[in-house]
Amino acid sequence: NHLWAISEKLLNENGMEFNIIRPLLKETLRKTEHMSPFDAQTGPAIR
C-alpha cells in the first residue's frame, strides 16, 4: 500500500491520476489466484 501511495504521488506530480493504473493492480492480484507471486513476477528487474 505504501508503494501504491508512492505511485500515486509520482502520477499526481506529473498531472495524472492513480486510476490509470488500477487495471494493472487488478491484473497483478488476479494472477496470484492461478500462480505463485514468484512465478508471476514481471518488469525490468527480472529481465
All heavy atoms as atom14 arrays in JSON, in Angstrom:
{
  "sequence": "NHLWAISEKLLNENGMEFNIIRPLLKETLRKTEHMSPFDAQTGPAIR",
  "atom14_mask": [
    [1, 1, 1, 1, 1, 1, 1, 1, 0, 0, 0, 0, 0, 0],
    [1, 1, 1, 1, 1, 1, 1, 1, 1, 1, 0, 0, 0, 0],
    [1, 1, 1, 1, 1, 1, 1, 1, 0, 0, 0, 0, 0, 0],
    [1, 1, 1, 1, 1, 1, 1, 1, 1, 1, 1, 1, 1, 1],
    [1, 1, 1, 1, 1, 0, 0, 0, 0, 0, 0, 0, 0, 0],
    [1, 1, 1, 1, 1, 1, 1, 1, 0, 0, 0, 0, 0, 0],
    [1, 1, 1, 1, 1, 1, 0, 0, 0, 0, 0, 0, 0, 0],
    [1, 1, 1, 1, 1, 1, 1, 1, 1, 0, 0, 0, 0, 0],
    [1, 1, 1, 1, 1, 1, 1, 1, 1, 0, 0, 0, 0, 0],
    [1, 1, 1, 1, 1, 1, 1, 1, 0, 0, 0, 0, 0, 0],
    [1, 1, 1, 1, 1, 1, 1, 1, 0, 0, 0, 0, 0, 0],
    [1, 1, 1, 1, 1, 1, 1, 1, 0, 0, 0, 0, 0, 0],
    [1, 1, 1, 1, 1, 1, 1, 1, 1, 0, 0, 0, 0, 0],
    [1, 1, 1, 1, 1, 1, 1, 1, 0, 0, 0, 0, 0, 0],
    [1, 1, 1, 1, 0, 0, 0, 0, 0, 0, 0, 0, 0, 0],
    [1, 1, 1, 1, 1, 1, 1, 1, 0, 0, 0, 0, 0, 0],
    [1, 1, 1, 1, 1, 1, 1, 1, 1, 0, 0, 0, 0, 0],
    [1, 1, 1, 1, 1, 1, 1, 1, 1, 1, 1, 0, 0, 0],
    [1, 1, 1, 1, 1, 1, 1, 1, 0, 0, 0, 0, 0, 0],
    [1, 1, 1, 1, 1, 1, 1, 1, 0, 0, 0, 0, 0, 0],
    [1, 1, 1, 1, 1, 1, 1, 1, 0, 0, 0, 0, 0, 0],
    [1, 1, 1, 1, 1, 1, 1, 1, 1, 1, 1, 0, 0, 0],
    [1, 1, 1, 1, 1, 1, 1, 0, 0, 0, 0, 0, 0, 0],
    [1, 1, 1, 1, 1, 1, 1, 1, 0, 0, 0, 0, 0, 0],
    [1, 1, 1, 1, 1, 1, 1, 1, 0, 0, 0, 0, 0, 0],
    [1, 1, 1, 1, 1, 1, 1, 1, 1, 0, 0, 0, 0, 0],
    [1, 1, 1, 1, 1, 1, 1, 1, 1, 0, 0, 0, 0, 0],
    [1, 1, 1, 1, 1, 1, 1, 0, 0, 0, 0, 0, 0, 0],
    [1, 1, 1, 1, 1, 1, 1, 1, 0, 0, 0, 0, 0, 0],
    [1, 1, 1, 1, 1, 1, 1, 1, 1, 1, 1, 0, 0, 0],
    [1, 1, 1, 1, 1, 1, 1, 1, 1, 0, 0, 0, 0, 0],
    [1, 1, 1, 1, 1, 1, 1, 0, 0, 0, 0, 0, 0, 0],
    [1, 1, 1, 1, 1, 1, 1, 1, 1, 0, 0, 0, 0, 0],
    [1, 1, 1, 1, 1, 1, 1, 1, 1, 1, 0, 0, 0, 0],
    [1, 1, 1, 1, 1, 1, 1, 1, 0, 0, 0, 0, 0, 0],
    [1, 1, 1, 1, 1, 1, 0, 0, 0, 0, 0, 0, 0, 0],
    [1, 1, 1, 1, 1, 1, 1, 0, 0, 0, 0, 0, 0, 0],
    [1, 1, 1, 1, 1, 1, 1, 1, 1, 1, 1, 0, 0, 0],
    [1, 1, 1, 1, 1, 1, 1, 1, 0, 0, 0, 0, 0, 0],
    [1, 1, 1, 1, 1, 0, 0, 0, 0, 0, 0, 0, 0, 0],
    [1, 1, 1, 1, 1, 1, 1, 1, 1, 0, 0, 0, 0, 0],
    [1, 1, 1, 1, 1, 1, 1, 0, 0, 0, 0, 0, 0, 0],
    [1, 1, 1, 1, 0, 0, 0, 0, 0, 0, 0, 0, 0, 0],
    [1, 1, 1, 1, 1, 1, 1, 0, 0, 0, 0, 0, 0, 0],
    [1, 1, 1, 1, 1, 0, 0, 0, 0, 0, 0, 0, 0, 0],
    [1, 1, 1, 1, 1, 1, 1, 1, 0, 0, 0, 0, 0, 0],
    [1, 1, 1, 1, 1, 1, 1, 1, 1, 1, 1, 0, 0, 0]
  ],
  "atom14_positions": [
    [[0.83, -1.21, 0.0], [0.0, 0.0, 0.0], [0.87, 1.26, 0.0], [0.54, 2.25, -0.65], [-0.94, 0.01, 1.21], [-1.96, 1.12, 1.13], [-2.94, 1.04, 0.43], [-1.7, 2.21, 1.86], [0.0, 0.0, 0.0], [0.0, 0.0, 0.0], [0.0, 0.0, 0.0], [0.0, 0.0, 0.0], [0.0, 0.0, 0.0], [0.0, 0.0, 0.0]],
    [[1.98, 1.22, 0.73], [2.9, 2.36, 0.74], [3.48, 2.58, -0.67], [3.61, 3.74, -1.12], [4.03, 2.13, 1.73], [5.04, 3.23, 1.77], [4.72, 4.53, 2.13], [6.37, 3.25, 1.46], [5.79, 5.28, 2.06], [6.81, 4.53, 1.65], [0.0, 0.0, 0.0], [0.0, 0.0, 0.0], [0.0, 0.0, 0.0], [0.0, 0.0, 0.0]],
    [[3.78, 1.5, -1.37], [4.29, 1.63, -2.74], [3.21, 2.21, -3.65], [3.52, 2.99, -4.56], [4.76, 0.28, -3.25], [5.98, -0.32, -2.52], [6.32, -1.69, -3.1], [7.17, 0.6, -2.6], [0.0, 0.0, 0.0], [0.0, 0.0, 0.0], [0.0, 0.0, 0.0], [0.0, 0.0, 0.0], [0.0, 0.0, 0.0], [0.0, 0.0, 0.0]],
    [[1.96, 1.84, -3.42], [0.87, 2.46, -4.19], [0.82, 3.97, -3.92], [0.58, 4.76, -4.84], [-0.47, 1.82, -3.81], [-0.65, 0.42, -4.27], [0.18, -0.29, -5.09], [-1.71, -0.45, -3.93], [-0.32, -1.56, -5.28], [-1.48, -1.68, -4.58], [-2.84, -0.33, -3.13], [-2.35, -2.77, -4.46], [-3.71, -1.4, -3.01], [-3.45, -2.61, -3.67]],
    [[1.01, 4.35, -2.66], [0.99, 5.77, -2.31], [2.13, 6.52, -3.01], [1.96, 7.65, -3.47], [1.11, 5.94, -0.79], [0.0, 0.0, 0.0], [0.0, 0.0, 0.0], [0.0, 0.0, 0.0], [0.0, 0.0, 0.0], [0.0, 0.0, 0.0], [0.0, 0.0, 0.0], [0.0, 0.0, 0.0], [0.0, 0.0, 0.0], [0.0, 0.0, 0.0]],
    [[3.29, 5.87, -3.13], [4.4, 6.46, -3.87], [4.02, 6.62, -5.34], [4.28, 7.67, -5.96], [5.67, 5.6, -3.72], [6.2, 5.67, -2.29], [6.75, 6.04, -4.72], [7.34, 4.72, -2.01], [0.0, 0.0, 0.0], [0.0, 0.0, 0.0], [0.0, 0.0, 0.0], [0.0, 0.0, 0.0], [0.0, 0.0, 0.0], [0.0, 0.0, 0.0]],
    [[3.4, 5.58, -5.91], [2.96, 5.65, -7.31], [1.98, 6.79, -7.51], [2.07, 7.54, -8.5], [2.31, 4.33, -7.72], [3.22, 3.25, -7.65], [0.0, 0.0, 0.0], [0.0, 0.0, 0.0], [0.0, 0.0, 0.0], [0.0, 0.0, 0.0], [0.0, 0.0, 0.0], [0.0, 0.0, 0.0], [0.0, 0.0, 0.0], [0.0, 0.0, 0.0]],
    [[1.04, 6.92, -6.59], [0.04, 7.99, -6.68], [0.71, 9.36, -6.66], [0.36, 10.26, -7.44], [-0.96, 7.87, -5.54], [-2.07, 8.91, -5.57], [-3.04, 8.75, -4.42], [-2.58, 8.5, -3.29], [-4.26, 8.89, -4.64], [0.0, 0.0, 0.0], [0.0, 0.0, 0.0], [0.0, 0.0, 0.0], [0.0, 0.0, 0.0], [0.0, 0.0, 0.0]],
    [[1.69, 9.53, -5.78], [2.4, 10.8, -5.67], [3.14, 11.12, -6.98], [3.07, 12.26, -7.48], [3.38, 10.74, -4.5], [4.19, 12.01, -4.27], [5.02, 11.86, -3.0], [5.84, 13.12, -2.72], [6.95, 13.29, -3.7], [0.0, 0.0, 0.0], [0.0, 0.0, 0.0], [0.0, 0.0, 0.0], [0.0, 0.0, 0.0], [0.0, 0.0, 0.0]],
    [[3.82, 10.13, -7.54], [4.55, 10.34, -8.79], [3.6, 10.73, -9.92], [3.88, 11.63, -10.71], [5.32, 9.08, -9.17], [6.56, 8.76, -8.34], [7.07, 7.36, -8.67], [7.65, 9.79, -8.58], [0.0, 0.0, 0.0], [0.0, 0.0, 0.0], [0.0, 0.0, 0.0], [0.0, 0.0, 0.0], [0.0, 0.0, 0.0], [0.0, 0.0, 0.0]],
    [[2.48, 10.04, -9.99], [1.49, 10.33, -11.04], [0.9, 11.73, -10.87], [0.8, 12.49, -11.83], [0.39, 9.27, -11.01], [0.79, 7.87, -11.48], [-0.28, 6.85, -11.12], [1.05, 7.86, -12.98], [0.0, 0.0, 0.0], [0.0, 0.0, 0.0], [0.0, 0.0, 0.0], [0.0, 0.0, 0.0], [0.0, 0.0, 0.0], [0.0, 0.0, 0.0]],
    [[0.49, 12.05, -9.64], [-0.13, 13.35, -9.39], [0.83, 14.5, -9.69], [0.42, 15.55, -10.22], [-0.6, 13.45, -7.94], [-1.79, 12.55, -7.65], [-2.43, 12.05, -8.57], [-2.09, 12.35, -6.39], [0.0, 0.0, 0.0], [0.0, 0.0, 0.0], [0.0, 0.0, 0.0], [0.0, 0.0, 0.0], [0.0, 0.0, 0.0], [0.0, 0.0, 0.0]],
    [[2.1, 14.3, -9.37], [3.08, 15.35, -9.63], [3.29, 15.58, -11.12], [3.82, 16.63, -11.52], [4.41, 14.98, -8.97], [4.4, 15.1, -7.46], [5.69, 14.62, -6.82], [6.51, 13.98, -7.52], [5.88, 14.89, -5.61], [0.0, 0.0, 0.0], [0.0, 0.0, 0.0], [0.0, 0.0, 0.0], [0.0, 0.0, 0.0], [0.0, 0.0, 0.0]],
    [[2.86, 14.61, -11.93], [3.02, 14.73, -13.38], [1.68, 14.81, -14.1], [1.56, 14.45, -15.28], [3.85, 13.57, -13.91], [5.31, 13.68, -13.52], [6.09, 14.33, -14.2], [5.67, 13.07, -12.39], [0.0, 0.0, 0.0], [0.0, 0.0, 0.0], [0.0, 0.0, 0.0], [0.0, 0.0, 0.0], [0.0, 0.0, 0.0], [0.0, 0.0, 0.0]],
    [[0.66, 15.29, -13.38], [-0.63, 15.58, -13.99], [-1.48, 14.36, -14.33], [-2.37, 14.45, -15.18], [0.0, 0.0, 0.0], [0.0, 0.0, 0.0], [0.0, 0.0, 0.0], [0.0, 0.0, 0.0], [0.0, 0.0, 0.0], [0.0, 0.0, 0.0], [0.0, 0.0, 0.0], [0.0, 0.0, 0.0], [0.0, 0.0, 0.0], [0.0, 0.0, 0.0]],
    [[-1.22, 13.23, -13.67], [-2.01, 12.03, -13.93], [-2.67, 11.54, -12.65], [-2.27, 11.93, -11.56], [-1.11, 10.93, -14.52], [-0.59, 11.25, -15.92], [0.58, 10.0, -16.53], [2.07, 10.5, -15.64], [0.0, 0.0, 0.0], [0.0, 0.0, 0.0], [0.0, 0.0, 0.0], [0.0, 0.0, 0.0], [0.0, 0.0, 0.0], [0.0, 0.0, 0.0]],
    [[-3.68, 10.68, -12.82], [-4.41, 10.16, -11.66], [-4.08, 8.7, -11.43], [-3.72, 7.95, -12.35], [-5.92, 10.32, -11.87], [-6.37, 11.77, -11.97], [-7.87, 11.9, -12.16], [-8.53, 10.85, -12.34], [-8.38, 13.02, -12.13], [0.0, 0.0, 0.0], [0.0, 0.0, 0.0], [0.0, 0.0, 0.0], [0.0, 0.0, 0.0], [0.0, 0.0, 0.0]],
    [[-4.24, 8.29, -10.18], [-3.95, 6.9, -9.78], [-4.84, 5.9, -10.52], [-4.44, 4.75, -10.73], [-4.12, 6.77, -8.27], [-3.68, 5.44, -7.71], [-2.34, 5.08, -7.67], [-4.63, 4.54, -7.22], [-1.94, 3.87, -7.15], [-4.23, 3.31, -6.7], [-2.89, 2.98, -6.66], [0.0, 0.0, 0.0], [0.0, 0.0, 0.0], [0.0, 0.0, 0.0]],
    [[-6.04, 6.34, -10.9], [-6.99, 5.44, -11.58], [-6.41, 4.8, -12.84], [-6.83, 3.71, -13.23], [-8.27, 6.2, -11.96], [-9.21, 6.36, -10.79], [-9.1, 5.65, -9.79], [-10.12, 7.32, -10.88], [0.0, 0.0, 0.0], [0.0, 0.0, 0.0], [0.0, 0.0, 0.0], [0.0, 0.0, 0.0], [0.0, 0.0, 0.0], [0.0, 0.0, 0.0]],
    [[-5.44, 5.45, -13.45], [-4.9, 4.93, -14.71], [-4.19, 3.59, -14.52], [-4.09, 2.79, -15.46], [-3.95, 5.97, -15.37], [-3.71, 5.61, -16.84], [-2.64, 6.07, -14.61], [-3.02, 6.71, -17.62], [0.0, 0.0, 0.0], [0.0, 0.0, 0.0], [0.0, 0.0, 0.0], [0.0, 0.0, 0.0], [0.0, 0.0, 0.0], [0.0, 0.0, 0.0]],
    [[-3.71, 3.32, -13.31], [-3.01, 2.04, -13.1], [-3.85, 1.02, -12.32], [-3.38, -0.07, -12.02], [-1.65, 2.23, -12.4], [-1.83, 2.78, -10.98], [-0.74, 3.11, -13.23], [-0.51, 2.78, -10.19], [0.0, 0.0, 0.0], [0.0, 0.0, 0.0], [0.0, 0.0, 0.0], [0.0, 0.0, 0.0], [0.0, 0.0, 0.0], [0.0, 0.0, 0.0]],
    [[-5.11, 1.35, -12.01], [-5.94, 0.39, -11.3], [-6.12, -0.93, -12.06], [-6.07, -2.01, -11.45], [-7.31, 1.0, -10.97], [-7.27, 2.06, -9.89], [-8.66, 2.47, -9.43], [-8.61, 3.63, -8.58], [-8.33, 3.62, -7.28], [-8.08, 2.46, -6.69], [-8.28, 4.74, -6.58], [0.0, 0.0, 0.0], [0.0, 0.0, 0.0], [0.0, 0.0, 0.0]],
    [[-6.34, -0.91, -13.39], [-6.43, -2.19, -14.11], [-5.15, -3.03, -13.98], [-5.22, -4.27, -13.91], [-6.66, -1.77, -15.57], [-7.3, -0.42, -15.46], [-6.64, 0.23, -14.28], [0.0, 0.0, 0.0], [0.0, 0.0, 0.0], [0.0, 0.0, 0.0], [0.0, 0.0, 0.0], [0.0, 0.0, 0.0], [0.0, 0.0, 0.0], [0.0, 0.0, 0.0]],
    [[-4.0, -2.37, -13.93], [-2.73, -3.07, -13.73], [-2.7, -3.75, -12.36], [-2.28, -4.91, -12.24], [-1.58, -2.07, -13.85], [-0.18, -2.58, -13.52], [0.25, -3.63, -14.53], [0.8, -1.42, -13.49], [0.0, 0.0, 0.0], [0.0, 0.0, 0.0], [0.0, 0.0, 0.0], [0.0, 0.0, 0.0], [0.0, 0.0, 0.0], [0.0, 0.0, 0.0]],
    [[-3.16, -3.05, -11.34], [-3.17, -3.62, -10.0], [-4.13, -4.8, -9.9], [-3.81, -5.83, -9.29], [-3.57, -2.55, -8.98], [-2.74, -1.27, -8.95], [-3.21, -0.36, -7.82], [-1.26, -1.57, -8.81], [0.0, 0.0, 0.0], [0.0, 0.0, 0.0], [0.0, 0.0, 0.0], [0.0, 0.0, 0.0], [0.0, 0.0, 0.0], [0.0, 0.0, 0.0]],
    [[-5.29, -4.67, -10.53], [-6.27, -5.76, -10.51], [-5.72, -7.01, -11.19], [-5.9, -8.13, -10.7], [-7.57, -5.31, -11.19], [-8.37, -4.28, -10.4], [-9.64, -3.88, -11.14], [-10.43, -2.84, -10.37], [-11.65, -2.42, -11.1], [0.0, 0.0, 0.0], [0.0, 0.0, 0.0], [0.0, 0.0, 0.0], [0.0, 0.0, 0.0], [0.0, 0.0, 0.0]],
    [[-5.05, -6.83, -12.32], [-4.5, -7.98, -13.04], [-3.35, -8.61, -12.26], [-3.2, -9.84, -12.24], [-4.01, -7.57, -14.43], [-3.33, -8.66, -15.23], [-4.2, -9.88, -15.46], [-5.43, -9.81, -15.26], [-3.63, -10.93, -15.85], [0.0, 0.0, 0.0], [0.0, 0.0, 0.0], [0.0, 0.0, 0.0], [0.0, 0.0, 0.0], [0.0, 0.0, 0.0]],
    [[-2.55, -7.79, -11.6], [-1.45, -8.31, -10.78], [-1.98, -9.22, -9.68], [-1.45, -10.31, -9.44], [-0.65, -7.15, -10.17], [-0.14, -6.32, -11.21], [0.5, -7.67, -9.34], [0.0, 0.0, 0.0], [0.0, 0.0, 0.0], [0.0, 0.0, 0.0], [0.0, 0.0, 0.0], [0.0, 0.0, 0.0], [0.0, 0.0, 0.0], [0.0, 0.0, 0.0]],
    [[-3.05, -8.79, -9.01], [-3.64, -9.59, -7.95], [-4.35, -10.81, -8.53], [-4.27, -11.92, -7.98], [-4.62, -8.75, -7.14], [-5.28, -9.46, -5.94], [-4.23, -9.95, -4.97], [-6.26, -8.52, -5.25], [0.0, 0.0, 0.0], [0.0, 0.0, 0.0], [0.0, 0.0, 0.0], [0.0, 0.0, 0.0], [0.0, 0.0, 0.0], [0.0, 0.0, 0.0]],
    [[-5.04, -10.65, -9.67], [-5.78, -11.76, -10.27], [-4.86, -12.91, -10.62], [-5.2, -14.08, -10.43], [-6.51, -11.28, -11.52], [-7.48, -12.31, -12.13], [-7.86, -11.97, -13.55], [-6.71, -12.08, -14.45], [-6.28, -13.25, -14.93], [-6.87, -14.38, -14.61], [-5.24, -13.26, -15.75], [0.0, 0.0, 0.0], [0.0, 0.0, 0.0], [0.0, 0.0, 0.0]],
    [[-3.67, -12.59, -11.09], [-2.73, -13.65, -11.48], [-2.34, -14.55, -10.32], [-2.08, -15.73, -10.49], [-1.47, -13.03, -12.11], [-1.66, -12.57, -13.53], [-0.34, -12.31, -14.24], [0.41, -11.14, -13.63], [1.63, -10.82, -14.42], [0.0, 0.0, 0.0], [0.0, 0.0, 0.0], [0.0, 0.0, 0.0], [0.0, 0.0, 0.0], [0.0, 0.0, 0.0]],
    [[-2.32, -13.98, -9.11], [-1.93, -14.78, -7.95], [-2.99, -15.81, -7.56], [-2.73, -16.66, -6.71], [-1.63, -13.88, -6.73], [-2.83, -13.19, -6.32], [-0.54, -12.87, -7.05], [0.0, 0.0, 0.0], [0.0, 0.0, 0.0], [0.0, 0.0, 0.0], [0.0, 0.0, 0.0], [0.0, 0.0, 0.0], [0.0, 0.0, 0.0], [0.0, 0.0, 0.0]],
    [[-4.18, -15.72, -8.18], [-5.19, -16.75, -7.94], [-4.87, -18.03, -8.69], [-5.41, -19.1, -8.39], [-6.57, -16.23, -8.36], [-7.04, -15.02, -7.56], [-8.37, -14.5, -8.06], [-8.93, -15.1, -9.01], [-8.86, -13.49, -7.51], [0.0, 0.0, 0.0], [0.0, 0.0, 0.0], [0.0, 0.0, 0.0], [0.0, 0.0, 0.0], [0.0, 0.0, 0.0]],
    [[-3.99, -17.93, -9.69], [-3.7, -19.08, -10.54], [-2.22, -19.47, -10.55], [-1.87, -20.54, -11.06], [-4.13, -18.78, -11.99], [-5.54, -18.27, -12.1], [-6.63, -19.08, -11.9], [-6.03, -17.03, -12.36], [-7.74, -18.37, -12.05], [-7.4, -17.12, -12.33], [0.0, 0.0, 0.0], [0.0, 0.0, 0.0], [0.0, 0.0, 0.0], [0.0, 0.0, 0.0]],
    [[-1.36, -18.62, -10.02], [0.06, -18.93, -9.99], [0.7, -18.24, -8.8], [0.13, -17.32, -8.21], [0.72, -18.48, -11.3], [0.58, -16.99, -11.58], [0.92, -16.52, -13.32], [2.56, -17.18, -13.55], [0.0, 0.0, 0.0], [0.0, 0.0, 0.0], [0.0, 0.0, 0.0], [0.0, 0.0, 0.0], [0.0, 0.0, 0.0], [0.0, 0.0, 0.0]],
    [[1.89, -18.69, -8.42], [2.56, -18.09, -7.27], [3.06, -16.69, -7.63], [3.38, -16.42, -8.79], [3.75, -18.96, -6.84], [4.83, -18.79, -7.74], [0.0, 0.0, 0.0], [0.0, 0.0, 0.0], [0.0, 0.0, 0.0], [0.0, 0.0, 0.0], [0.0, 0.0, 0.0], [0.0, 0.0, 0.0], [0.0, 0.0, 0.0], [0.0, 0.0, 0.0]],
    [[3.15, -15.8, -6.65], [3.69, -14.47, -6.92], [5.1, -14.52, -7.5], [5.46, -13.68, -8.33], [3.68, -13.8, -5.54], [2.59, -14.49, -4.79], [2.64, -15.92, -5.26], [0.0, 0.0, 0.0], [0.0, 0.0, 0.0], [0.0, 0.0, 0.0], [0.0, 0.0, 0.0], [0.0, 0.0, 0.0], [0.0, 0.0, 0.0], [0.0, 0.0, 0.0]],
    [[5.88, -15.49, -7.08], [7.24, -15.63, -7.62], [7.19, -15.85, -9.13], [7.9, -15.19, -9.9], [7.97, -16.78, -6.93], [9.4, -16.93, -7.36], [10.41, -16.28, -6.68], [9.72, -17.72, -8.46], [11.74, -16.42, -7.08], [11.04, -17.86, -8.87], [12.06, -17.21, -8.18], [0.0, 0.0, 0.0], [0.0, 0.0, 0.0], [0.0, 0.0, 0.0]],
    [[6.33, -16.77, -9.56], [6.23, -17.08, -11.0], [5.56, -15.96, -11.78], [5.75, -15.86, -13.0], [5.46, -18.38, -11.2], [6.21, -19.6, -10.69], [7.46, -19.54, -10.65], [5.56, -20.59, -10.3], [0.0, 0.0, 0.0], [0.0, 0.0, 0.0], [0.0, 0.0, 0.0], [0.0, 0.0, 0.0], [0.0, 0.0, 0.0], [0.0, 0.0, 0.0]],
    [[4.79, -15.13, -11.09], [4.07, -14.05, -11.78], [4.91, -12.78, -11.93], [4.46, -11.83, -12.57], [2.79, -13.71, -11.0], [0.0, 0.0, 0.0], [0.0, 0.0, 0.0], [0.0, 0.0, 0.0], [0.0, 0.0, 0.0], [0.0, 0.0, 0.0], [0.0, 0.0, 0.0], [0.0, 0.0, 0.0], [0.0, 0.0, 0.0], [0.0, 0.0, 0.0]],
    [[6.12, -12.78, -11.4], [6.95, -11.58, -11.43], [7.27, -11.14, -12.86], [7.67, -11.94, -13.69], [8.26, -11.82, -10.68], [9.13, -10.59, -10.53], [8.52, -9.58, -9.58], [8.21, -9.91, -8.44], [8.34, -8.35, -10.04], [0.0, 0.0, 0.0], [0.0, 0.0, 0.0], [0.0, 0.0, 0.0], [0.0, 0.0, 0.0], [0.0, 0.0, 0.0]],
    [[7.07, -9.87, -13.14], [7.45, -9.27, -14.43], [8.22, -7.99, -14.16], [8.45, -7.63, -13.0], [6.21, -8.95, -15.29], [5.39, -8.0, -14.58], [5.39, -10.19, -15.59], [0.0, 0.0, 0.0], [0.0, 0.0, 0.0], [0.0, 0.0, 0.0], [0.0, 0.0, 0.0], [0.0, 0.0, 0.0], [0.0, 0.0, 0.0], [0.0, 0.0, 0.0]],
    [[8.61, -7.29, -15.19], [9.24, -5.99, -15.03], [10.72, -5.98, -15.38], [11.32, -7.02, -15.67], [0.0, 0.0, 0.0], [0.0, 0.0, 0.0], [0.0, 0.0, 0.0], [0.0, 0.0, 0.0], [0.0, 0.0, 0.0], [0.0, 0.0, 0.0], [0.0, 0.0, 0.0], [0.0, 0.0, 0.0], [0.0, 0.0, 0.0], [0.0, 0.0, 0.0]],
    [[11.33, -4.8, -15.38], [12.72, -4.66, -15.81], [13.72, -5.39, -14.92], [14.76, -5.84, -15.4], [12.95, -3.14, -15.78], [11.91, -2.6, -14.87], [10.72, -3.49, -15.04], [0.0, 0.0, 0.0], [0.0, 0.0, 0.0], [0.0, 0.0, 0.0], [0.0, 0.0, 0.0], [0.0, 0.0, 0.0], [0.0, 0.0, 0.0], [0.0, 0.0, 0.0]],
    [[13.43, -5.54, -13.62], [14.38, -6.2, -12.72], [14.56, -7.67, -13.08], [15.68, -8.16, -13.19], [13.93, -6.05, -11.27], [0.0, 0.0, 0.0], [0.0, 0.0, 0.0], [0.0, 0.0, 0.0], [0.0, 0.0, 0.0], [0.0, 0.0, 0.0], [0.0, 0.0, 0.0], [0.0, 0.0, 0.0], [0.0, 0.0, 0.0], [0.0, 0.0, 0.0]],
    [[13.44, -8.4, -13.27], [13.56, -9.82, -13.59], [14.17, -10.03, -14.97], [14.83, -11.04, -15.23], [12.19, -10.53, -13.46], [12.38, -12.04, -13.46], [11.23, -10.1, -14.57], [11.12, -12.82, -13.17], [0.0, 0.0, 0.0], [0.0, 0.0, 0.0], [0.0, 0.0, 0.0], [0.0, 0.0, 0.0], [0.0, 0.0, 0.0], [0.0, 0.0, 0.0]],
    [[13.98, -9.05, -15.86], [14.59, -9.14, -17.2], [16.04, -8.64, -17.19], [16.74, -8.76, -18.19], [13.79, -8.28, -18.2], [12.36, -8.68, -18.4], [11.76, -8.0, -19.63], [11.88, -6.53, -19.57], [10.95, -5.73, -19.06], [9.84, -6.26, -18.55], [11.12, -4.42, -19.05], [0.0, 0.0, 0.0], [0.0, 0.0, 0.0], [0.0, 0.0, 0.0]]
  ]
}
